[in-house]
Amino acid sequence: MNSFTTVFIILTNDGVTAIFQDYYRACGPSSSVVFFILLSIIGQKILLNLFIAILLENFDEGVLKQKMHEYEQQQQERNKTAGGLIELTLLDRIIAVFTRISQSLDDCLNKREPPDDDSDDDSKVDADIDKLESAI
């Protein structure tokens, strides 16, 4: 924990001289100068990059929120011009198909009469998909 505190003090340039003098006396002039210069340059570059990353992240969030708001407004305008019809997405289509499949499975599991013909189920699913596509 003491080493983290020391590195933090060096990187913030607060009380560096006392730490440098202790290190200078203990390790010698050449190693202490090289260590402190490298630590200062690399550490401050890392701190600067972290600060810039935080700023860019906050900027990106603002731009993303603005784009989402614009998209929502466009969707509302499209729904108004389409006479109130809601656009069905691919996810809505997939949900409709899986709902139909799960109903068929429930019927089979509850030992109700299974469908007579598999092609009939396929045609029902195709009809459901066609209905969804025509609603778009």
N, C-alpha and C. Protein backbone atom coordinates (compact mmCIF):
# COMPACT_ATOMS: atom_id res chain seq x y z
N MET A 1 0.82 -1.18 0.00
CA MET A 1 0.00 0.00 0.00
C MET A 1 0.88 1.25 0.00
N ASN A 2 1.99 1.18 0.69
CA ASN A 2 2.89 2.32 0.76
C ASN A 2 3.47 2.63 -0.62
N SER A 3 3.74 1.60 -1.40
CA SER A 3 4.31 1.83 -2.73
C SER A 3 3.30 2.50 -3.65
N PHE A 4 2.02 2.12 -3.56
CA PHE A 4 1.00 2.80 -4.37
C PHE A 4 0.89 4.27 -4.00
N THR A 5 0.94 4.55 -2.71
CA THR A 5 0.88 5.94 -2.26
C THR A 5 2.08 6.72 -2.78
N THR A 6 3.24 6.12 -2.74
CA THR A 6 4.45 6.78 -3.22
C THR A 6 4.37 7.08 -4.71
N VAL A 7 3.92 6.11 -5.49
CA VAL A 7 3.79 6.32 -6.93
C VAL A 7 2.74 7.40 -7.21
N PHE A 8 1.65 7.41 -6.45
CA PHE A 8 0.62 8.43 -6.64
C PHE A 8 1.18 9.82 -6.34
N ILE A 9 1.96 9.93 -5.28
CA ILE A 9 2.57 11.22 -4.93
C ILE A 9 3.52 11.67 -6.03
N ILE A 10 4.28 10.74 -6.59
CA ILE A 10 5.22 11.09 -7.67
C ILE A 10 4.46 11.54 -8.91
N LEU A 11 3.40 10.83 -9.26
CA LEU A 11 2.64 11.17 -10.47
C LEU A 11 1.89 12.48 -10.35
N THR A 12 1.47 12.84 -9.14
CA THR A 12 0.78 14.11 -8.96
C THR A 12 1.75 15.26 -8.71
N ASN A 13 3.04 14.97 -8.63
CA ASN A 13 4.10 15.97 -8.41
C ASN A 13 3.91 16.73 -7.11
N ASP A 14 3.41 16.05 -6.10
CA ASP A 14 3.19 16.66 -4.80
C ASP A 14 4.14 16.02 -3.79
N GLY A 15 5.16 16.70 -3.40
CA GLY A 15 6.12 16.17 -2.45
C GLY A 15 7.12 15.21 -3.07
N VAL A 16 7.42 15.41 -4.34
CA VAL A 16 8.33 14.52 -5.05
C VAL A 16 9.76 14.68 -4.56
N THR A 17 10.12 15.89 -4.18
CA THR A 17 11.52 16.15 -3.81
C THR A 17 11.96 15.32 -2.61
N ALA A 18 11.12 15.19 -1.60
CA ALA A 18 11.50 14.40 -0.42
C ALA A 18 11.67 12.93 -0.79
N ILE A 19 10.77 12.40 -1.60
CA ILE A 19 10.86 11.00 -2.01
C ILE A 19 12.09 10.81 -2.90
N PHE A 20 12.34 11.75 -3.80
CA PHE A 20 13.48 11.65 -4.69
C PHE A 20 14.79 11.67 -3.90
N GLN A 21 14.89 12.55 -2.91
CA GLN A 21 16.12 12.63 -2.12
C GLN A 21 16.36 11.34 -1.35
N ASP A 22 15.32 10.74 -0.79
CA ASP A 22 15.48 9.46 -0.08
C ASP A 22 15.95 8.37 -1.04
N TYR A 23 15.36 8.31 -2.21
CA TYR A 23 15.72 7.31 -3.21
C TYR A 23 17.13 7.57 -3.74
N TYR A 24 17.48 8.83 -3.89
CA TYR A 24 18.80 9.23 -4.39
C TYR A 24 19.89 8.76 -3.43
N ARG A 25 19.67 8.94 -2.13
CA ARG A 25 20.63 8.52 -1.11
C ARG A 25 20.73 6.99 -1.04
N ALA A 26 19.59 6.30 -1.23
CA ALA A 26 19.59 4.85 -1.07
C ALA A 26 20.15 4.12 -2.28
N CYS A 27 19.87 4.60 -3.52
CA CYS A 27 20.22 3.83 -4.73
C CYS A 27 21.31 4.46 -5.59
N GLY A 28 21.63 5.68 -5.35
CA GLY A 28 22.64 6.32 -6.17
C GLY A 28 22.02 7.26 -7.20
N PRO A 29 22.86 8.12 -7.76
CA PRO A 29 22.34 9.17 -8.64
C PRO A 29 21.81 8.66 -9.98
N SER A 30 22.52 7.76 -10.62
CA SER A 30 22.11 7.37 -11.98
C SER A 30 20.78 6.61 -11.99
N SER A 31 20.63 5.62 -11.13
CA SER A 31 19.40 4.83 -11.13
C SER A 31 18.21 5.65 -10.63
N SER A 32 18.42 6.52 -9.68
CA SER A 32 17.30 7.30 -9.16
C SER A 32 16.79 8.30 -10.19
N VAL A 33 17.69 8.95 -10.93
CA VAL A 33 17.28 9.92 -11.94
C VAL A 33 16.52 9.21 -13.07
N VAL A 34 17.06 8.10 -13.56
CA VAL A 34 16.40 7.35 -14.64
C VAL A 34 15.03 6.85 -14.19
N PHE A 35 14.94 6.31 -12.97
CA PHE A 35 13.68 5.79 -12.46
C PHE A 35 12.62 6.89 -12.37
N PHE A 36 12.98 8.01 -11.78
CA PHE A 36 12.00 9.08 -11.59
C PHE A 36 11.57 9.71 -12.91
N ILE A 37 12.51 9.86 -13.83
CA ILE A 37 12.13 10.43 -15.13
C ILE A 37 11.20 9.48 -15.88
N LEU A 38 11.54 8.20 -15.94
CA LEU A 38 10.68 7.23 -16.62
C LEU A 38 9.32 7.11 -15.93
N LEU A 39 9.32 7.05 -14.61
CA LEU A 39 8.06 6.95 -13.88
C LEU A 39 7.18 8.17 -14.13
N SER A 40 7.77 9.33 -14.14
CA SER A 40 7.00 10.56 -14.37
C SER A 40 6.44 10.60 -15.78
N ILE A 41 7.26 10.31 -16.76
CA ILE A 41 6.80 10.39 -18.16
C ILE A 41 5.75 9.33 -18.45
N ILE A 42 6.02 8.08 -18.13
CA ILE A 42 5.08 7.00 -18.43
C ILE A 42 3.81 7.13 -17.59
N GLY A 43 3.95 7.40 -16.31
CA GLY A 43 2.80 7.52 -15.43
C GLY A 43 1.89 8.67 -15.80
N GLN A 44 2.46 9.82 -16.11
CA GLN A 44 1.64 10.96 -16.48
C GLN A 44 0.98 10.76 -17.83
N LYS A 45 1.66 10.04 -18.73
CA LYS A 45 1.03 9.73 -20.01
C LYS A 45 -0.17 8.81 -19.81
N ILE A 46 -0.04 7.84 -18.92
CA ILE A 46 -1.17 6.94 -18.61
C ILE A 46 -2.32 7.73 -18.00
N LEU A 47 -2.04 8.60 -17.04
CA LEU A 47 -3.09 9.40 -16.42
C LEU A 47 -3.77 10.31 -17.44
N LEU A 48 -2.98 10.90 -18.34
CA LEU A 48 -3.55 11.76 -19.37
C LEU A 48 -4.46 10.96 -20.29
N ASN A 49 -4.03 9.76 -20.68
CA ASN A 49 -4.86 8.92 -21.55
C ASN A 49 -6.15 8.50 -20.85
N LEU A 50 -6.09 8.22 -19.55
CA LEU A 50 -7.30 7.88 -18.80
C LEU A 50 -8.27 9.07 -18.76
N PHE A 51 -7.73 10.24 -18.54
CA PHE A 51 -8.56 11.45 -18.50
C PHE A 51 -9.21 11.70 -19.86
N ILE A 52 -8.45 11.57 -20.92
CA ILE A 52 -8.99 11.77 -22.27
C ILE A 52 -10.04 10.69 -22.59
N ALA A 53 -9.79 9.46 -22.17
CA ALA A 53 -10.76 8.39 -22.42
C ALA A 53 -12.08 8.67 -21.71
N ILE A 54 -12.03 9.19 -20.50
CA ILE A 54 -13.25 9.53 -19.76
C ILE A 54 -13.99 10.64 -20.49
N LEU A 55 -13.28 11.64 -20.95
CA LEU A 55 -13.92 12.74 -21.69
C LEU A 55 -14.57 12.24 -22.97
N LEU A 56 -13.87 11.41 -23.72
CA LEU A 56 -14.43 10.89 -24.97
C LEU A 56 -15.63 10.00 -24.73
N GLU A 57 -15.59 9.22 -23.66
CA GLU A 57 -16.72 8.35 -23.35
C GLU A 57 -17.96 9.18 -23.03
N ASN A 58 -17.79 10.23 -22.25
CA ASN A 58 -18.92 11.09 -21.94
C ASN A 58 -19.43 11.80 -23.18
N PHE A 59 -18.53 12.20 -24.07
CA PHE A 59 -18.93 12.84 -25.31
C PHE A 59 -19.70 11.86 -26.19
N ASP A 60 -19.22 10.63 -26.29
CA ASP A 60 -19.88 9.61 -27.10
C ASP A 60 -21.28 9.30 -26.56
N GLU A 61 -21.44 9.28 -25.24
CA GLU A 61 -22.75 9.00 -24.66
C GLU A 61 -23.73 10.10 -25.04
N GLY A 62 -23.29 11.35 -25.03
CA GLY A 62 -24.16 12.46 -25.42
C GLY A 62 -24.58 12.37 -26.87
N VAL A 63 -23.64 12.05 -27.74
CA VAL A 63 -23.95 11.91 -29.16
C VAL A 63 -24.89 10.72 -29.38
N LEU A 64 -24.65 9.62 -28.67
CA LEU A 64 -25.50 8.44 -28.80
C LEU A 64 -26.93 8.74 -28.34
N LYS A 65 -27.07 9.44 -27.22
CA LYS A 65 -28.40 9.80 -26.75
C LYS A 65 -29.12 10.69 -27.75
N GLN A 66 -28.38 11.63 -28.35
CA GLN A 66 -28.97 12.52 -29.34
C GLN A 66 -29.44 11.73 -30.57
N LYS A 67 -28.62 10.78 -31.03
CA LYS A 67 -28.99 9.97 -32.19
C LYS A 67 -30.20 9.09 -31.88
N MET A 68 -30.25 8.54 -30.67
CA MET A 68 -31.40 7.72 -30.29
C MET A 68 -32.68 8.55 -30.25
N HIS A 69 -32.57 9.77 -29.74
CA HIS A 69 -33.73 10.65 -29.69
C HIS A 69 -34.22 10.99 -31.10
N GLU A 70 -33.28 11.27 -32.01
CA GLU A 70 -33.65 11.56 -33.40
C GLU A 70 -34.30 10.34 -34.05
N TYR A 71 -33.78 9.14 -33.78
CA TYR A 71 -34.35 7.92 -34.35
C TYR A 71 -35.77 7.70 -33.84
N GLU A 72 -35.99 7.94 -32.54
CA GLU A 72 -37.33 7.79 -31.99
C GLU A 72 -38.30 8.77 -32.63
N GLN A 73 -37.85 9.99 -32.87
CA GLN A 73 -38.71 10.97 -33.53
C GLN A 73 -39.05 10.54 -34.95
N GLN A 74 -38.06 9.99 -35.67
CA GLN A 74 -38.31 9.51 -37.03
C GLN A 74 -39.32 8.37 -37.01
N GLN A 75 -39.19 7.45 -36.05
CA GLN A 75 -40.13 6.33 -35.95
C GLN A 75 -41.54 6.83 -35.65
N GLN A 76 -41.66 7.83 -34.79
CA GLN A 76 -42.98 8.38 -34.49
C GLN A 76 -43.59 9.04 -35.72
N GLU A 77 -42.78 9.74 -36.50
CA GLU A 77 -43.27 10.37 -37.73
C GLU A 77 -43.71 9.32 -38.74
N ARG A 78 -42.95 8.25 -38.87
CA ARG A 78 -43.31 7.17 -39.79
C ARG A 78 -44.63 6.51 -39.38
N ASN A 79 -44.79 6.31 -38.06
CA ASN A 79 -46.03 5.70 -37.59
C ASN A 79 -47.22 6.61 -37.83
N LYS A 80 -47.04 7.90 -37.70
CA LYS A 80 -48.13 8.84 -37.95
C LYS A 80 -48.51 8.85 -39.43
N THR A 81 -47.49 8.83 -40.30
CA THR A 81 -47.78 8.85 -41.74
C THR A 81 -48.34 7.53 -42.23
N ALA A 82 -48.06 6.45 -41.52
CA ALA A 82 -48.57 5.13 -41.94
C ALA A 82 -49.95 4.86 -41.37
N GLY A 83 -50.58 5.86 -40.80
CA GLY A 83 -51.93 5.68 -40.27
C GLY A 83 -51.93 4.94 -38.95
N GLY A 84 -50.87 5.06 -38.18
CA GLY A 84 -50.83 4.44 -36.87
C GLY A 84 -50.34 3.01 -36.87
N LEU A 85 -49.98 2.47 -38.03
CA LEU A 85 -49.47 1.10 -38.07
C LEU A 85 -48.06 1.07 -37.49
N ILE A 86 -47.82 0.12 -36.67
CA ILE A 86 -46.49 -0.02 -36.07
C ILE A 86 -45.66 -0.92 -36.96
N GLU A 87 -44.43 -0.48 -37.22
CA GLU A 87 -43.55 -1.31 -38.04
C GLU A 87 -43.13 -2.54 -37.26
N LEU A 88 -43.23 -3.66 -37.91
CA LEU A 88 -42.81 -4.90 -37.28
C LEU A 88 -41.36 -5.16 -37.66
N THR A 89 -40.61 -5.43 -36.67
CA THR A 89 -39.20 -5.72 -36.90
C THR A 89 -39.02 -7.22 -37.11
N LEU A 90 -37.82 -7.58 -37.43
CA LEU A 90 -37.48 -8.99 -37.61
C LEU A 90 -37.72 -9.75 -36.30
N LEU A 91 -37.44 -9.09 -35.18
CA LEU A 91 -37.66 -9.73 -33.90
C LEU A 91 -39.14 -10.04 -33.69
N ASP A 92 -40.02 -9.13 -34.09
CA ASP A 92 -41.46 -9.38 -33.97
C ASP A 92 -41.87 -10.58 -34.82
N ARG A 93 -41.30 -10.68 -35.99
CA ARG A 93 -41.61 -11.81 -36.87
C ARG A 93 -41.16 -13.13 -36.26
N ILE A 94 -39.96 -13.12 -35.70
CA ILE A 94 -39.42 -14.33 -35.09
C ILE A 94 -40.27 -14.73 -33.89
N ILE A 95 -40.69 -13.74 -33.10
CA ILE A 95 -41.54 -14.04 -31.94
C ILE A 95 -42.85 -14.66 -32.39
N ALA A 96 -43.44 -14.15 -33.46
CA ALA A 96 -44.70 -14.70 -33.95
C ALA A 96 -44.53 -16.15 -34.39
N VAL A 97 -43.44 -16.44 -35.09
CA VAL A 97 -43.19 -17.80 -35.55
C VAL A 97 -42.99 -18.74 -34.36
N PHE A 98 -42.19 -18.32 -33.38
CA PHE A 98 -41.93 -19.18 -32.23
C PHE A 98 -43.17 -19.33 -31.36
N THR A 99 -44.01 -18.32 -31.32
CA THR A 99 -45.27 -18.45 -30.59
C THR A 99 -46.13 -19.54 -31.22
N ARG A 100 -46.20 -19.52 -32.54
CA ARG A 100 -46.98 -20.54 -33.25
C ARG A 100 -46.39 -21.94 -33.02
N ILE A 101 -45.07 -22.04 -33.04
CA ILE A 101 -44.41 -23.33 -32.81
C ILE A 101 -44.66 -23.81 -31.39
N SER A 102 -44.56 -22.89 -30.42
CA SER A 102 -44.77 -23.29 -29.02
C SER A 102 -46.21 -23.72 -28.78
N GLN A 103 -47.17 -23.09 -29.47
CA GLN A 103 -48.55 -23.53 -29.35
C GLN A 103 -48.72 -24.94 -29.90
N SER A 104 -48.08 -25.23 -31.01
CA SER A 104 -48.15 -26.57 -31.57
C SER A 104 -47.53 -27.60 -30.64
N LEU A 105 -46.40 -27.23 -30.02
CA LEU A 105 -45.75 -28.14 -29.08
C LEU A 105 -46.61 -28.35 -27.84
N ASP A 106 -47.23 -27.29 -27.36
CA ASP A 106 -48.12 -27.43 -26.21
C ASP A 106 -49.27 -28.36 -26.53
N ASP A 107 -49.82 -28.23 -27.72
CA ASP A 107 -50.92 -29.13 -28.12
C ASP A 107 -50.46 -30.58 -28.13
N CYS A 108 -49.27 -30.82 -28.64
CA CYS A 108 -48.75 -32.19 -28.69
C CYS A 108 -48.46 -32.72 -27.30
N LEU A 109 -47.90 -31.87 -26.44
CA LEU A 109 -47.57 -32.32 -25.09
C LEU A 109 -48.80 -32.56 -24.23
N ASN A 110 -49.85 -31.82 -24.50
CA ASN A 110 -51.10 -32.00 -23.75
C ASN A 110 -51.93 -33.15 -24.31
N LYS A 111 -51.36 -33.88 -25.24
CA LYS A 111 -51.97 -35.06 -25.86
C LYS A 111 -53.28 -34.74 -26.57
N ARG A 112 -53.30 -33.56 -27.10
CA ARG A 112 -54.42 -33.25 -27.97
C ARG A 112 -54.11 -33.86 -29.32
N GLU A 113 -55.04 -33.84 -30.17
CA GLU A 113 -54.82 -34.44 -31.47
C GLU A 113 -53.73 -33.66 -32.20
N PRO A 114 -52.69 -34.38 -32.61
CA PRO A 114 -51.65 -33.69 -33.37
C PRO A 114 -52.18 -33.28 -34.73
N PRO A 115 -51.56 -32.30 -35.33
CA PRO A 115 -51.99 -31.91 -36.67
C PRO A 115 -51.88 -33.07 -37.64
N ASP A 116 -52.83 -33.14 -38.56
CA ASP A 116 -52.86 -34.24 -39.52
C ASP A 116 -51.70 -34.19 -40.50
N ASP A 117 -51.35 -33.00 -40.93
CA ASP A 117 -50.38 -32.88 -41.99
C ASP A 117 -49.35 -31.81 -41.62
N ASP A 118 -48.07 -32.15 -41.77
CA ASP A 118 -47.01 -31.19 -41.46
C ASP A 118 -47.03 -30.01 -42.42
N SER A 119 -47.41 -30.26 -43.66
CA SER A 119 -47.44 -29.17 -44.64
C SER A 119 -48.49 -28.14 -44.25
N ASP A 120 -49.55 -28.57 -43.54
CA ASP A 120 -50.59 -27.65 -43.09
C ASP A 120 -50.00 -26.66 -42.08
N ASP A 121 -49.15 -27.16 -41.14
CA ASP A 121 -48.50 -26.28 -40.18
C ASP A 121 -47.57 -25.30 -40.87
N ASP A 122 -46.84 -25.82 -41.85
CA ASP A 122 -45.93 -24.95 -42.59
C ASP A 122 -46.70 -23.86 -43.31
N SER A 123 -47.83 -24.21 -43.87
CA SER A 123 -48.62 -23.20 -44.58
C SER A 123 -49.17 -22.17 -43.60
N LYS A 124 -49.53 -22.60 -42.37
CA LYS A 124 -50.01 -21.66 -41.35
C LYS A 124 -48.89 -20.69 -40.95
N VAL A 125 -47.70 -21.23 -40.76
CA VAL A 125 -46.57 -20.37 -40.40
C VAL A 125 -46.27 -19.41 -41.54
N ASP A 126 -46.30 -19.91 -42.77
CA ASP A 126 -46.08 -19.04 -43.92
C ASP A 126 -47.15 -17.97 -44.01
N ALA A 127 -48.37 -18.34 -43.71
CA ALA A 127 -49.47 -17.37 -43.74
C ALA A 127 -49.28 -16.31 -42.66
N ASP A 128 -48.82 -16.75 -41.47
CA ASP A 128 -48.57 -15.78 -40.41
C ASP A 128 -47.47 -14.81 -40.81
N ILE A 129 -46.43 -15.32 -41.43
CA ILE A 129 -45.33 -14.46 -41.87
C ILE A 129 -45.81 -13.50 -42.94
N ASP A 130 -46.63 -13.99 -43.86
CA ASP A 130 -47.17 -13.11 -44.91
C ASP A 130 -48.04 -12.01 -44.33
N LYS A 131 -48.85 -12.34 -43.30
CA LYS A 131 -49.66 -11.34 -42.65
C LYS A 131 -48.80 -10.27 -42.00
N LEU A 132 -47.73 -10.70 -41.34
CA LEU A 132 -46.85 -9.75 -40.69
C LEU A 132 -46.16 -8.85 -41.69
N GLU A 133 -45.72 -9.43 -42.82
CA GLU A 133 -45.04 -8.65 -43.84
C GLU A 133 -46.00 -7.67 -44.50
N SER A 134 -47.25 -8.08 -44.68
CA SER A 134 -48.21 -7.17 -45.30
C SER A 134 -48.56 -6.01 -44.38
N ALA A 135 -48.44 -6.24 -43.06
CA ALA A 135 -48.71 -5.16 -42.11
C ALA A 135 -47.64 -4.08 -42.15
N ILE A 136 -46.49 -4.45 -42.64
CA ILE A 136 -45.38 -3.48 -42.75
C ILE A 136 -45.65 -2.62 -43.91
